[in-house]
Each structure stands twice: as structure tokens, then as C-alpha cells.
Amino acid sequence: RFVQMQLEDKGTLDKLFETEKFDA
């Protein structure tokens, strides 16, 4: 899966991490 996002967008990035629970 792919998502367009800026790393500077902390709020949206945090939501991605919270939802997806990455291993790496």
C-alpha cells in the first residue's frame, strides 16, 4: 500500500504509525 504524505506533517504521520504498528 502507498500513502502520499510529507514527513513534516507530524499529526498525519503519527496516525499512520498508531494505526499500522510497523515492525521496521
PDBML (XML) file of the C-alpha atoms, coordinates in Angstrom:
<?xml version="1.0" encoding="UTF-8" ?>
<PDBx:datablock datablockName="MODEL"
   xmlns:PDBx="http://pdbml.pdb.org/schema/pdbx-v50.xsd"
   xmlns:xsi="http://www.w3.org/2001/XMLSchema-instance"
   xsi:schemaLocation="http://pdbml.pdb.org/schema/pdbx-v50.xsd pdbx-v50.xsd">
   <PDBx:atom_siteCategory>
      <PDBx:atom_site id="1">
         <PDBx:B_iso_or_equiv>0.00</PDBx:B_iso_or_equiv>
         <PDBx:Cartn_x>0.000</PDBx:Cartn_x>
         <PDBx:Cartn_y>0.000</PDBx:Cartn_y>
         <PDBx:Cartn_z>0.000</PDBx:Cartn_z>
         <PDBx:auth_asym_id>A</PDBx:auth_asym_id>
         <PDBx:auth_atom_id>CA</PDBx:auth_atom_id>
         <PDBx:auth_comp_id>ARG</PDBx:auth_comp_id>
         <PDBx:auth_seq_id>1</PDBx:auth_seq_id>
         <PDBx:group_PDB>ATOM</PDBx:group_PDB>
         <PDBx:label_alt_id xsi:nil="true" />
         <PDBx:label_asym_id>A</PDBx:label_asym_id>
         <PDBx:label_atom_id>CA</PDBx:label_atom_id>
         <PDBx:label_comp_id>ARG</PDBx:label_comp_id>
         <PDBx:label_entity_id>1</PDBx:label_entity_id>
         <PDBx:label_seq_id>1</PDBx:label_seq_id>
         <PDBx:occupancy>1.00</PDBx:occupancy>
         <PDBx:pdbx_PDB_model_num>1</PDBx:pdbx_PDB_model_num>
         <PDBx:type_symbol>C</PDBx:type_symbol>
      </PDBx:atom_site>
      <PDBx:atom_site id="2">
         <PDBx:B_iso_or_equiv>0.00</PDBx:B_iso_or_equiv>
         <PDBx:Cartn_x>1.088</PDBx:Cartn_x>
         <PDBx:Cartn_y>3.581</PDBx:Cartn_y>
         <PDBx:Cartn_z>-0.607</PDBx:Cartn_z>
         <PDBx:auth_asym_id>A</PDBx:auth_asym_id>
         <PDBx:auth_atom_id>CA</PDBx:auth_atom_id>
         <PDBx:auth_comp_id>PHE</PDBx:auth_comp_id>
         <PDBx:auth_seq_id>2</PDBx:auth_seq_id>
         <PDBx:group_PDB>ATOM</PDBx:group_PDB>
         <PDBx:label_alt_id xsi:nil="true" />
         <PDBx:label_asym_id>A</PDBx:label_asym_id>
         <PDBx:label_atom_id>CA</PDBx:label_atom_id>
         <PDBx:label_comp_id>PHE</PDBx:label_comp_id>
         <PDBx:label_entity_id>1</PDBx:label_entity_id>
         <PDBx:label_seq_id>2</PDBx:label_seq_id>
         <PDBx:occupancy>1.00</PDBx:occupancy>
         <PDBx:pdbx_PDB_model_num>1</PDBx:pdbx_PDB_model_num>
         <PDBx:type_symbol>C</PDBx:type_symbol>
      </PDBx:atom_site>
      <PDBx:atom_site id="3">
         <PDBx:B_iso_or_equiv>0.00</PDBx:B_iso_or_equiv>
         <PDBx:Cartn_x>0.344</PDBx:Cartn_x>
         <PDBx:Cartn_y>6.934</PDBx:Cartn_y>
         <PDBx:Cartn_z>1.005</PDBx:Cartn_z>
         <PDBx:auth_asym_id>A</PDBx:auth_asym_id>
         <PDBx:auth_atom_id>CA</PDBx:auth_atom_id>
         <PDBx:auth_comp_id>VAL</PDBx:auth_comp_id>
         <PDBx:auth_seq_id>3</PDBx:auth_seq_id>
         <PDBx:group_PDB>ATOM</PDBx:group_PDB>
         <PDBx:label_alt_id xsi:nil="true" />
         <PDBx:label_asym_id>A</PDBx:label_asym_id>
         <PDBx:label_atom_id>CA</PDBx:label_atom_id>
         <PDBx:label_comp_id>VAL</PDBx:label_comp_id>
         <PDBx:label_entity_id>1</PDBx:label_entity_id>
         <PDBx:label_seq_id>3</PDBx:label_seq_id>
         <PDBx:occupancy>1.00</PDBx:occupancy>
         <PDBx:pdbx_PDB_model_num>1</PDBx:pdbx_PDB_model_num>
         <PDBx:type_symbol>C</PDBx:type_symbol>
      </PDBx:atom_site>
      <PDBx:atom_site id="4">
         <PDBx:B_iso_or_equiv>0.00</PDBx:B_iso_or_equiv>
         <PDBx:Cartn_x>1.240</PDBx:Cartn_x>
         <PDBx:Cartn_y>10.420</PDBx:Cartn_y>
         <PDBx:Cartn_z>-0.168</PDBx:Cartn_z>
         <PDBx:auth_asym_id>A</PDBx:auth_asym_id>
         <PDBx:auth_atom_id>CA</PDBx:auth_atom_id>
         <PDBx:auth_comp_id>GLN</PDBx:auth_comp_id>
         <PDBx:auth_seq_id>4</PDBx:auth_seq_id>
         <PDBx:group_PDB>ATOM</PDBx:group_PDB>
         <PDBx:label_alt_id xsi:nil="true" />
         <PDBx:label_asym_id>A</PDBx:label_asym_id>
         <PDBx:label_atom_id>CA</PDBx:label_atom_id>
         <PDBx:label_comp_id>GLN</PDBx:label_comp_id>
         <PDBx:label_entity_id>1</PDBx:label_entity_id>
         <PDBx:label_seq_id>4</PDBx:label_seq_id>
         <PDBx:occupancy>1.00</PDBx:occupancy>
         <PDBx:pdbx_PDB_model_num>1</PDBx:pdbx_PDB_model_num>
         <PDBx:type_symbol>C</PDBx:type_symbol>
      </PDBx:atom_site>
      <PDBx:atom_site id="5">
         <PDBx:B_iso_or_equiv>0.00</PDBx:B_iso_or_equiv>
         <PDBx:Cartn_x>2.448</PDBx:Cartn_x>
         <PDBx:Cartn_y>12.351</PDBx:Cartn_y>
         <PDBx:Cartn_z>2.867</PDBx:Cartn_z>
         <PDBx:auth_asym_id>A</PDBx:auth_asym_id>
         <PDBx:auth_atom_id>CA</PDBx:auth_atom_id>
         <PDBx:auth_comp_id>MET</PDBx:auth_comp_id>
         <PDBx:auth_seq_id>5</PDBx:auth_seq_id>
         <PDBx:group_PDB>ATOM</PDBx:group_PDB>
         <PDBx:label_alt_id xsi:nil="true" />
         <PDBx:label_asym_id>A</PDBx:label_asym_id>
         <PDBx:label_atom_id>CA</PDBx:label_atom_id>
         <PDBx:label_comp_id>MET</PDBx:label_comp_id>
         <PDBx:label_entity_id>1</PDBx:label_entity_id>
         <PDBx:label_seq_id>5</PDBx:label_seq_id>
         <PDBx:occupancy>1.00</PDBx:occupancy>
         <PDBx:pdbx_PDB_model_num>1</PDBx:pdbx_PDB_model_num>
         <PDBx:type_symbol>C</PDBx:type_symbol>
      </PDBx:atom_site>
      <PDBx:atom_site id="6">
         <PDBx:B_iso_or_equiv>0.00</PDBx:B_iso_or_equiv>
         <PDBx:Cartn_x>5.020</PDBx:Cartn_x>
         <PDBx:Cartn_y>14.892</PDBx:Cartn_y>
         <PDBx:Cartn_z>3.975</PDBx:Cartn_z>
         <PDBx:auth_asym_id>A</PDBx:auth_asym_id>
         <PDBx:auth_atom_id>CA</PDBx:auth_atom_id>
         <PDBx:auth_comp_id>GLN</PDBx:auth_comp_id>
         <PDBx:auth_seq_id>6</PDBx:auth_seq_id>
         <PDBx:group_PDB>ATOM</PDBx:group_PDB>
         <PDBx:label_alt_id xsi:nil="true" />
         <PDBx:label_asym_id>A</PDBx:label_asym_id>
         <PDBx:label_atom_id>CA</PDBx:label_atom_id>
         <PDBx:label_comp_id>GLN</PDBx:label_comp_id>
         <PDBx:label_entity_id>1</PDBx:label_entity_id>
         <PDBx:label_seq_id>6</PDBx:label_seq_id>
         <PDBx:occupancy>1.00</PDBx:occupancy>
         <PDBx:pdbx_PDB_model_num>1</PDBx:pdbx_PDB_model_num>
         <PDBx:type_symbol>C</PDBx:type_symbol>
      </PDBx:atom_site>
      <PDBx:atom_site id="7">
         <PDBx:B_iso_or_equiv>0.00</PDBx:B_iso_or_equiv>
         <PDBx:Cartn_x>7.246</PDBx:Cartn_x>
         <PDBx:Cartn_y>13.867</PDBx:Cartn_y>
         <PDBx:Cartn_z>6.869</PDBx:Cartn_z>
         <PDBx:auth_asym_id>A</PDBx:auth_asym_id>
         <PDBx:auth_atom_id>CA</PDBx:auth_atom_id>
         <PDBx:auth_comp_id>LEU</PDBx:auth_comp_id>
         <PDBx:auth_seq_id>7</PDBx:auth_seq_id>
         <PDBx:group_PDB>ATOM</PDBx:group_PDB>
         <PDBx:label_alt_id xsi:nil="true" />
         <PDBx:label_asym_id>A</PDBx:label_asym_id>
         <PDBx:label_atom_id>CA</PDBx:label_atom_id>
         <PDBx:label_comp_id>LEU</PDBx:label_comp_id>
         <PDBx:label_entity_id>1</PDBx:label_entity_id>
         <PDBx:label_seq_id>7</PDBx:label_seq_id>
         <PDBx:occupancy>1.00</PDBx:occupancy>
         <PDBx:pdbx_PDB_model_num>1</PDBx:pdbx_PDB_model_num>
         <PDBx:type_symbol>C</PDBx:type_symbol>
      </PDBx:atom_site>
      <PDBx:atom_site id="8">
         <PDBx:B_iso_or_equiv>0.00</PDBx:B_iso_or_equiv>
         <PDBx:Cartn_x>6.851</PDBx:Cartn_x>
         <PDBx:Cartn_y>17.390</PDBx:Cartn_y>
         <PDBx:Cartn_z>8.245</PDBx:Cartn_z>
         <PDBx:auth_asym_id>A</PDBx:auth_asym_id>
         <PDBx:auth_atom_id>CA</PDBx:auth_atom_id>
         <PDBx:auth_comp_id>GLU</PDBx:auth_comp_id>
         <PDBx:auth_seq_id>8</PDBx:auth_seq_id>
         <PDBx:group_PDB>ATOM</PDBx:group_PDB>
         <PDBx:label_alt_id xsi:nil="true" />
         <PDBx:label_asym_id>A</PDBx:label_asym_id>
         <PDBx:label_atom_id>CA</PDBx:label_atom_id>
         <PDBx:label_comp_id>GLU</PDBx:label_comp_id>
         <PDBx:label_entity_id>1</PDBx:label_entity_id>
         <PDBx:label_seq_id>8</PDBx:label_seq_id>
         <PDBx:occupancy>1.00</PDBx:occupancy>
         <PDBx:pdbx_PDB_model_num>1</PDBx:pdbx_PDB_model_num>
         <PDBx:type_symbol>C</PDBx:type_symbol>
      </PDBx:atom_site>
      <PDBx:atom_site id="9">
         <PDBx:B_iso_or_equiv>0.00</PDBx:B_iso_or_equiv>
         <PDBx:Cartn_x>3.136</PDBx:Cartn_x>
         <PDBx:Cartn_y>16.608</PDBx:Cartn_y>
         <PDBx:Cartn_z>8.743</PDBx:Cartn_z>
         <PDBx:auth_asym_id>A</PDBx:auth_asym_id>
         <PDBx:auth_atom_id>CA</PDBx:auth_atom_id>
         <PDBx:auth_comp_id>ASP</PDBx:auth_comp_id>
         <PDBx:auth_seq_id>9</PDBx:auth_seq_id>
         <PDBx:group_PDB>ATOM</PDBx:group_PDB>
         <PDBx:label_alt_id xsi:nil="true" />
         <PDBx:label_asym_id>A</PDBx:label_asym_id>
         <PDBx:label_atom_id>CA</PDBx:label_atom_id>
         <PDBx:label_comp_id>ASP</PDBx:label_comp_id>
         <PDBx:label_entity_id>1</PDBx:label_entity_id>
         <PDBx:label_seq_id>9</PDBx:label_seq_id>
         <PDBx:occupancy>1.00</PDBx:occupancy>
         <PDBx:pdbx_PDB_model_num>1</PDBx:pdbx_PDB_model_num>
         <PDBx:type_symbol>C</PDBx:type_symbol>
      </PDBx:atom_site>
      <PDBx:atom_site id="10">
         <PDBx:B_iso_or_equiv>0.00</PDBx:B_iso_or_equiv>
         <PDBx:Cartn_x>3.580</PDBx:Cartn_x>
         <PDBx:Cartn_y>15.198</PDBx:Cartn_y>
         <PDBx:Cartn_z>12.241</PDBx:Cartn_z>
         <PDBx:auth_asym_id>A</PDBx:auth_asym_id>
         <PDBx:auth_atom_id>CA</PDBx:auth_atom_id>
         <PDBx:auth_comp_id>LYS</PDBx:auth_comp_id>
         <PDBx:auth_seq_id>10</PDBx:auth_seq_id>
         <PDBx:group_PDB>ATOM</PDBx:group_PDB>
         <PDBx:label_alt_id xsi:nil="true" />
         <PDBx:label_asym_id>A</PDBx:label_asym_id>
         <PDBx:label_atom_id>CA</PDBx:label_atom_id>
         <PDBx:label_comp_id>LYS</PDBx:label_comp_id>
         <PDBx:label_entity_id>1</PDBx:label_entity_id>
         <PDBx:label_seq_id>10</PDBx:label_seq_id>
         <PDBx:occupancy>1.00</PDBx:occupancy>
         <PDBx:pdbx_PDB_model_num>1</PDBx:pdbx_PDB_model_num>
         <PDBx:type_symbol>C</PDBx:type_symbol>
      </PDBx:atom_site>
      <PDBx:atom_site id="11">
         <PDBx:B_iso_or_equiv>0.00</PDBx:B_iso_or_equiv>
         <PDBx:Cartn_x>-0.099</PDBx:Cartn_x>
         <PDBx:Cartn_y>14.658</PDBx:Cartn_y>
         <PDBx:Cartn_z>13.023</PDBx:Cartn_z>
         <PDBx:auth_asym_id>A</PDBx:auth_asym_id>
         <PDBx:auth_atom_id>CA</PDBx:auth_atom_id>
         <PDBx:auth_comp_id>GLY</PDBx:auth_comp_id>
         <PDBx:auth_seq_id>11</PDBx:auth_seq_id>
         <PDBx:group_PDB>ATOM</PDBx:group_PDB>
         <PDBx:label_alt_id xsi:nil="true" />
         <PDBx:label_asym_id>A</PDBx:label_asym_id>
         <PDBx:label_atom_id>CA</PDBx:label_atom_id>
         <PDBx:label_comp_id>GLY</PDBx:label_comp_id>
         <PDBx:label_entity_id>1</PDBx:label_entity_id>
         <PDBx:label_seq_id>11</PDBx:label_seq_id>
         <PDBx:occupancy>1.00</PDBx:occupancy>
         <PDBx:pdbx_PDB_model_num>1</PDBx:pdbx_PDB_model_num>
         <PDBx:type_symbol>C</PDBx:type_symbol>
      </PDBx:atom_site>
      <PDBx:atom_site id="12">
         <PDBx:B_iso_or_equiv>0.00</PDBx:B_iso_or_equiv>
         <PDBx:Cartn_x>-0.825</PDBx:Cartn_x>
         <PDBx:Cartn_y>12.587</PDBx:Cartn_y>
         <PDBx:Cartn_z>9.927</PDBx:Cartn_z>
         <PDBx:auth_asym_id>A</PDBx:auth_asym_id>
         <PDBx:auth_atom_id>CA</PDBx:auth_atom_id>
         <PDBx:auth_comp_id>THR</PDBx:auth_comp_id>
         <PDBx:auth_seq_id>12</PDBx:auth_seq_id>
         <PDBx:group_PDB>ATOM</PDBx:group_PDB>
         <PDBx:label_alt_id xsi:nil="true" />
         <PDBx:label_asym_id>A</PDBx:label_asym_id>
         <PDBx:label_atom_id>CA</PDBx:label_atom_id>
         <PDBx:label_comp_id>THR</PDBx:label_comp_id>
         <PDBx:label_entity_id>1</PDBx:label_entity_id>
         <PDBx:label_seq_id>12</PDBx:label_seq_id>
         <PDBx:occupancy>1.00</PDBx:occupancy>
         <PDBx:pdbx_PDB_model_num>1</PDBx:pdbx_PDB_model_num>
         <PDBx:type_symbol>C</PDBx:type_symbol>
      </PDBx:atom_site>
      <PDBx:atom_site id="13">
         <PDBx:B_iso_or_equiv>0.00</PDBx:B_iso_or_equiv>
         <PDBx:Cartn_x>2.447</PDBx:Cartn_x>
         <PDBx:Cartn_y>10.669</PDBx:Cartn_y>
         <PDBx:Cartn_z>10.301</PDBx:Cartn_z>
         <PDBx:auth_asym_id>A</PDBx:auth_asym_id>
         <PDBx:auth_atom_id>CA</PDBx:auth_atom_id>
         <PDBx:auth_comp_id>LEU</PDBx:auth_comp_id>
         <PDBx:auth_seq_id>13</PDBx:auth_seq_id>
         <PDBx:group_PDB>ATOM</PDBx:group_PDB>
         <PDBx:label_alt_id xsi:nil="true" />
         <PDBx:label_asym_id>A</PDBx:label_asym_id>
         <PDBx:label_atom_id>CA</PDBx:label_atom_id>
         <PDBx:label_comp_id>LEU</PDBx:label_comp_id>
         <PDBx:label_entity_id>1</PDBx:label_entity_id>
         <PDBx:label_seq_id>13</PDBx:label_seq_id>
         <PDBx:occupancy>1.00</PDBx:occupancy>
         <PDBx:pdbx_PDB_model_num>1</PDBx:pdbx_PDB_model_num>
         <PDBx:type_symbol>C</PDBx:type_symbol>
      </PDBx:atom_site>
      <PDBx:atom_site id="14">
         <PDBx:B_iso_or_equiv>0.00</PDBx:B_iso_or_equiv>
         <PDBx:Cartn_x>1.653</PDBx:Cartn_x>
         <PDBx:Cartn_y>9.803</PDBx:Cartn_y>
         <PDBx:Cartn_z>13.922</PDBx:Cartn_z>
         <PDBx:auth_asym_id>A</PDBx:auth_asym_id>
         <PDBx:auth_atom_id>CA</PDBx:auth_atom_id>
         <PDBx:auth_comp_id>ASP</PDBx:auth_comp_id>
         <PDBx:auth_seq_id>14</PDBx:auth_seq_id>
         <PDBx:group_PDB>ATOM</PDBx:group_PDB>
         <PDBx:label_alt_id xsi:nil="true" />
         <PDBx:label_asym_id>A</PDBx:label_asym_id>
         <PDBx:label_atom_id>CA</PDBx:label_atom_id>
         <PDBx:label_comp_id>ASP</PDBx:label_comp_id>
         <PDBx:label_entity_id>1</PDBx:label_entity_id>
         <PDBx:label_seq_id>14</PDBx:label_seq_id>
         <PDBx:occupancy>1.00</PDBx:occupancy>
         <PDBx:pdbx_PDB_model_num>1</PDBx:pdbx_PDB_model_num>
         <PDBx:type_symbol>C</PDBx:type_symbol>
      </PDBx:atom_site>
      <PDBx:atom_site id="15">
         <PDBx:B_iso_or_equiv>0.00</PDBx:B_iso_or_equiv>
         <PDBx:Cartn_x>-1.764</PDBx:Cartn_x>
         <PDBx:Cartn_y>8.474</PDBx:Cartn_y>
         <PDBx:Cartn_z>12.908</PDBx:Cartn_z>
         <PDBx:auth_asym_id>A</PDBx:auth_asym_id>
         <PDBx:auth_atom_id>CA</PDBx:auth_atom_id>
         <PDBx:auth_comp_id>LYS</PDBx:auth_comp_id>
         <PDBx:auth_seq_id>15</PDBx:auth_seq_id>
         <PDBx:group_PDB>ATOM</PDBx:group_PDB>
         <PDBx:label_alt_id xsi:nil="true" />
         <PDBx:label_asym_id>A</PDBx:label_asym_id>
         <PDBx:label_atom_id>CA</PDBx:label_atom_id>
         <PDBx:label_comp_id>LYS</PDBx:label_comp_id>
         <PDBx:label_entity_id>1</PDBx:label_entity_id>
         <PDBx:label_seq_id>15</PDBx:label_seq_id>
         <PDBx:occupancy>1.00</PDBx:occupancy>
         <PDBx:pdbx_PDB_model_num>1</PDBx:pdbx_PDB_model_num>
         <PDBx:type_symbol>C</PDBx:type_symbol>
      </PDBx:atom_site>
      <PDBx:atom_site id="16">
         <PDBx:B_iso_or_equiv>0.00</PDBx:B_iso_or_equiv>
         <PDBx:Cartn_x>-0.119</PDBx:Cartn_x>
         <PDBx:Cartn_y>6.229</PDBx:Cartn_y>
         <PDBx:Cartn_z>10.327</PDBx:Cartn_z>
         <PDBx:auth_asym_id>A</PDBx:auth_asym_id>
         <PDBx:auth_atom_id>CA</PDBx:auth_atom_id>
         <PDBx:auth_comp_id>LEU</PDBx:auth_comp_id>
         <PDBx:auth_seq_id>16</PDBx:auth_seq_id>
         <PDBx:group_PDB>ATOM</PDBx:group_PDB>
         <PDBx:label_alt_id xsi:nil="true" />
         <PDBx:label_asym_id>A</PDBx:label_asym_id>
         <PDBx:label_atom_id>CA</PDBx:label_atom_id>
         <PDBx:label_comp_id>LEU</PDBx:label_comp_id>
         <PDBx:label_entity_id>1</PDBx:label_entity_id>
         <PDBx:label_seq_id>16</PDBx:label_seq_id>
         <PDBx:occupancy>1.00</PDBx:occupancy>
         <PDBx:pdbx_PDB_model_num>1</PDBx:pdbx_PDB_model_num>
         <PDBx:type_symbol>C</PDBx:type_symbol>
      </PDBx:atom_site>
      <PDBx:atom_site id="17">
         <PDBx:B_iso_or_equiv>0.00</PDBx:B_iso_or_equiv>
         <PDBx:Cartn_x>2.258</PDBx:Cartn_x>
         <PDBx:Cartn_y>4.785</PDBx:Cartn_y>
         <PDBx:Cartn_z>12.930</PDBx:Cartn_z>
         <PDBx:auth_asym_id>A</PDBx:auth_asym_id>
         <PDBx:auth_atom_id>CA</PDBx:auth_atom_id>
         <PDBx:auth_comp_id>PHE</PDBx:auth_comp_id>
         <PDBx:auth_seq_id>17</PDBx:auth_seq_id>
         <PDBx:group_PDB>ATOM</PDBx:group_PDB>
         <PDBx:label_alt_id xsi:nil="true" />
         <PDBx:label_asym_id>A</PDBx:label_asym_id>
         <PDBx:label_atom_id>CA</PDBx:label_atom_id>
         <PDBx:label_comp_id>PHE</PDBx:label_comp_id>
         <PDBx:label_entity_id>1</PDBx:label_entity_id>
         <PDBx:label_seq_id>17</PDBx:label_seq_id>
         <PDBx:occupancy>1.00</PDBx:occupancy>
         <PDBx:pdbx_PDB_model_num>1</PDBx:pdbx_PDB_model_num>
         <PDBx:type_symbol>C</PDBx:type_symbol>
      </PDBx:atom_site>
      <PDBx:atom_site id="18">
         <PDBx:B_iso_or_equiv>0.00</PDBx:B_iso_or_equiv>
         <PDBx:Cartn_x>-0.509</PDBx:Cartn_x>
         <PDBx:Cartn_y>4.368</PDBx:Cartn_y>
         <PDBx:Cartn_z>15.504</PDBx:Cartn_z>
         <PDBx:auth_asym_id>A</PDBx:auth_asym_id>
         <PDBx:auth_atom_id>CA</PDBx:auth_atom_id>
         <PDBx:auth_comp_id>GLU</PDBx:auth_comp_id>
         <PDBx:auth_seq_id>18</PDBx:auth_seq_id>
         <PDBx:group_PDB>ATOM</PDBx:group_PDB>
         <PDBx:label_alt_id xsi:nil="true" />
         <PDBx:label_asym_id>A</PDBx:label_asym_id>
         <PDBx:label_atom_id>CA</PDBx:label_atom_id>
         <PDBx:label_comp_id>GLU</PDBx:label_comp_id>
         <PDBx:label_entity_id>1</PDBx:label_entity_id>
         <PDBx:label_seq_id>18</PDBx:label_seq_id>
         <PDBx:occupancy>1.00</PDBx:occupancy>
         <PDBx:pdbx_PDB_model_num>1</PDBx:pdbx_PDB_model_num>
         <PDBx:type_symbol>C</PDBx:type_symbol>
      </PDBx:atom_site>
      <PDBx:atom_site id="19">
         <PDBx:B_iso_or_equiv>0.00</PDBx:B_iso_or_equiv>
         <PDBx:Cartn_x>-2.752</PDBx:Cartn_x>
         <PDBx:Cartn_y>2.516</PDBx:Cartn_y>
         <PDBx:Cartn_z>13.042</PDBx:Cartn_z>
         <PDBx:auth_asym_id>A</PDBx:auth_asym_id>
         <PDBx:auth_atom_id>CA</PDBx:auth_atom_id>
         <PDBx:auth_comp_id>THR</PDBx:auth_comp_id>
         <PDBx:auth_seq_id>19</PDBx:auth_seq_id>
         <PDBx:group_PDB>ATOM</PDBx:group_PDB>
         <PDBx:label_alt_id xsi:nil="true" />
         <PDBx:label_asym_id>A</PDBx:label_asym_id>
         <PDBx:label_atom_id>CA</PDBx:label_atom_id>
         <PDBx:label_comp_id>THR</PDBx:label_comp_id>
         <PDBx:label_entity_id>1</PDBx:label_entity_id>
         <PDBx:label_seq_id>19</PDBx:label_seq_id>
         <PDBx:occupancy>1.00</PDBx:occupancy>
         <PDBx:pdbx_PDB_model_num>1</PDBx:pdbx_PDB_model_num>
         <PDBx:type_symbol>C</PDBx:type_symbol>
      </PDBx:atom_site>
      <PDBx:atom_site id="20">
         <PDBx:B_iso_or_equiv>0.00</PDBx:B_iso_or_equiv>
         <PDBx:Cartn_x>-0.227</PDBx:Cartn_x>
         <PDBx:Cartn_y>0.362</PDBx:Cartn_y>
         <PDBx:Cartn_z>11.206</PDBx:Cartn_z>
         <PDBx:auth_asym_id>A</PDBx:auth_asym_id>
         <PDBx:auth_atom_id>CA</PDBx:auth_atom_id>
         <PDBx:auth_comp_id>GLU</PDBx:auth_comp_id>
         <PDBx:auth_seq_id>20</PDBx:auth_seq_id>
         <PDBx:group_PDB>ATOM</PDBx:group_PDB>
         <PDBx:label_alt_id xsi:nil="true" />
         <PDBx:label_asym_id>A</PDBx:label_asym_id>
         <PDBx:label_atom_id>CA</PDBx:label_atom_id>
         <PDBx:label_comp_id>GLU</PDBx:label_comp_id>
         <PDBx:label_entity_id>1</PDBx:label_entity_id>
         <PDBx:label_seq_id>20</PDBx:label_seq_id>
         <PDBx:occupancy>1.00</PDBx:occupancy>
         <PDBx:pdbx_PDB_model_num>1</PDBx:pdbx_PDB_model_num>
         <PDBx:type_symbol>C</PDBx:type_symbol>
      </PDBx:atom_site>
      <PDBx:atom_site id="21">
         <PDBx:B_iso_or_equiv>0.00</PDBx:B_iso_or_equiv>
         <PDBx:Cartn_x>2.111</PDBx:Cartn_x>
         <PDBx:Cartn_y>-0.782</PDBx:Cartn_y>
         <PDBx:Cartn_z>14.024</PDBx:Cartn_z>
         <PDBx:auth_asym_id>A</PDBx:auth_asym_id>
         <PDBx:auth_atom_id>CA</PDBx:auth_atom_id>
         <PDBx:auth_comp_id>LYS</PDBx:auth_comp_id>
         <PDBx:auth_seq_id>21</PDBx:auth_seq_id>
         <PDBx:group_PDB>ATOM</PDBx:group_PDB>
         <PDBx:label_alt_id xsi:nil="true" />
         <PDBx:label_asym_id>A</PDBx:label_asym_id>
         <PDBx:label_atom_id>CA</PDBx:label_atom_id>
         <PDBx:label_comp_id>LYS</PDBx:label_comp_id>
         <PDBx:label_entity_id>1</PDBx:label_entity_id>
         <PDBx:label_seq_id>21</PDBx:label_seq_id>
         <PDBx:occupancy>1.00</PDBx:occupancy>
         <PDBx:pdbx_PDB_model_num>1</PDBx:pdbx_PDB_model_num>
         <PDBx:type_symbol>C</PDBx:type_symbol>
      </PDBx:atom_site>
      <PDBx:atom_site id="22">
         <PDBx:B_iso_or_equiv>0.00</PDBx:B_iso_or_equiv>
         <PDBx:Cartn_x>5.249</PDBx:Cartn_x>
         <PDBx:Cartn_y>-1.260</PDBx:Cartn_y>
         <PDBx:Cartn_z>11.937</PDBx:Cartn_z>
         <PDBx:auth_asym_id>A</PDBx:auth_asym_id>
         <PDBx:auth_atom_id>CA</PDBx:auth_atom_id>
         <PDBx:auth_comp_id>PHE</PDBx:auth_comp_id>
         <PDBx:auth_seq_id>22</PDBx:auth_seq_id>
         <PDBx:group_PDB>ATOM</PDBx:group_PDB>
         <PDBx:label_alt_id xsi:nil="true" />
         <PDBx:label_asym_id>A</PDBx:label_asym_id>
         <PDBx:label_atom_id>CA</PDBx:label_atom_id>
         <PDBx:label_comp_id>PHE</PDBx:label_comp_id>
         <PDBx:label_entity_id>1</PDBx:label_entity_id>
         <PDBx:label_seq_id>22</PDBx:label_seq_id>
         <PDBx:occupancy>1.00</PDBx:occupancy>
         <PDBx:pdbx_PDB_model_num>1</PDBx:pdbx_PDB_model_num>
         <PDBx:type_symbol>C</PDBx:type_symbol>
      </PDBx:atom_site>
      <PDBx:atom_site id="23">
         <PDBx:B_iso_or_equiv>0.00</PDBx:B_iso_or_equiv>
         <PDBx:Cartn_x>7.986</PDBx:Cartn_x>
         <PDBx:Cartn_y>-3.765</PDBx:Cartn_y>
         <PDBx:Cartn_z>12.751</PDBx:Cartn_z>
         <PDBx:auth_asym_id>A</PDBx:auth_asym_id>
         <PDBx:auth_atom_id>CA</PDBx:auth_atom_id>
         <PDBx:auth_comp_id>ASP</PDBx:auth_comp_id>
         <PDBx:auth_seq_id>23</PDBx:auth_seq_id>
         <PDBx:group_PDB>ATOM</PDBx:group_PDB>
         <PDBx:label_alt_id xsi:nil="true" />
         <PDBx:label_asym_id>A</PDBx:label_asym_id>
         <PDBx:label_atom_id>CA</PDBx:label_atom_id>
         <PDBx:label_comp_id>ASP</PDBx:label_comp_id>
         <PDBx:label_entity_id>1</PDBx:label_entity_id>
         <PDBx:label_seq_id>23</PDBx:label_seq_id>
         <PDBx:occupancy>1.00</PDBx:occupancy>
         <PDBx:pdbx_PDB_model_num>1</PDBx:pdbx_PDB_model_num>
         <PDBx:type_symbol>C</PDBx:type_symbol>
      </PDBx:atom_site>
      <PDBx:atom_site id="24">
         <PDBx:B_iso_or_equiv>0.00</PDBx:B_iso_or_equiv>
         <PDBx:Cartn_x>10.641</PDBx:Cartn_x>
         <PDBx:Cartn_y>-1.719</PDBx:Cartn_y>
         <PDBx:Cartn_z>10.965</PDBx:Cartn_z>
         <PDBx:auth_asym_id>A</PDBx:auth_asym_id>
         <PDBx:auth_atom_id>CA</PDBx:auth_atom_id>
         <PDBx:auth_comp_id>ALA</PDBx:auth_comp_id>
         <PDBx:auth_seq_id>24</PDBx:auth_seq_id>
         <PDBx:group_PDB>ATOM</PDBx:group_PDB>
         <PDBx:label_alt_id xsi:nil="true" />
         <PDBx:label_asym_id>A</PDBx:label_asym_id>
         <PDBx:label_atom_id>CA</PDBx:label_atom_id>
         <PDBx:label_comp_id>ALA</PDBx:label_comp_id>
         <PDBx:label_entity_id>1</PDBx:label_entity_id>
         <PDBx:label_seq_id>24</PDBx:label_seq_id>
         <PDBx:occupancy>1.00</PDBx:occupancy>
         <PDBx:pdbx_PDB_model_num>1</PDBx:pdbx_PDB_model_num>
         <PDBx:type_symbol>C</PDBx:type_symbol>
      </PDBx:atom_site>
   </PDBx:atom_siteCategory>
</PDBx:datablock>
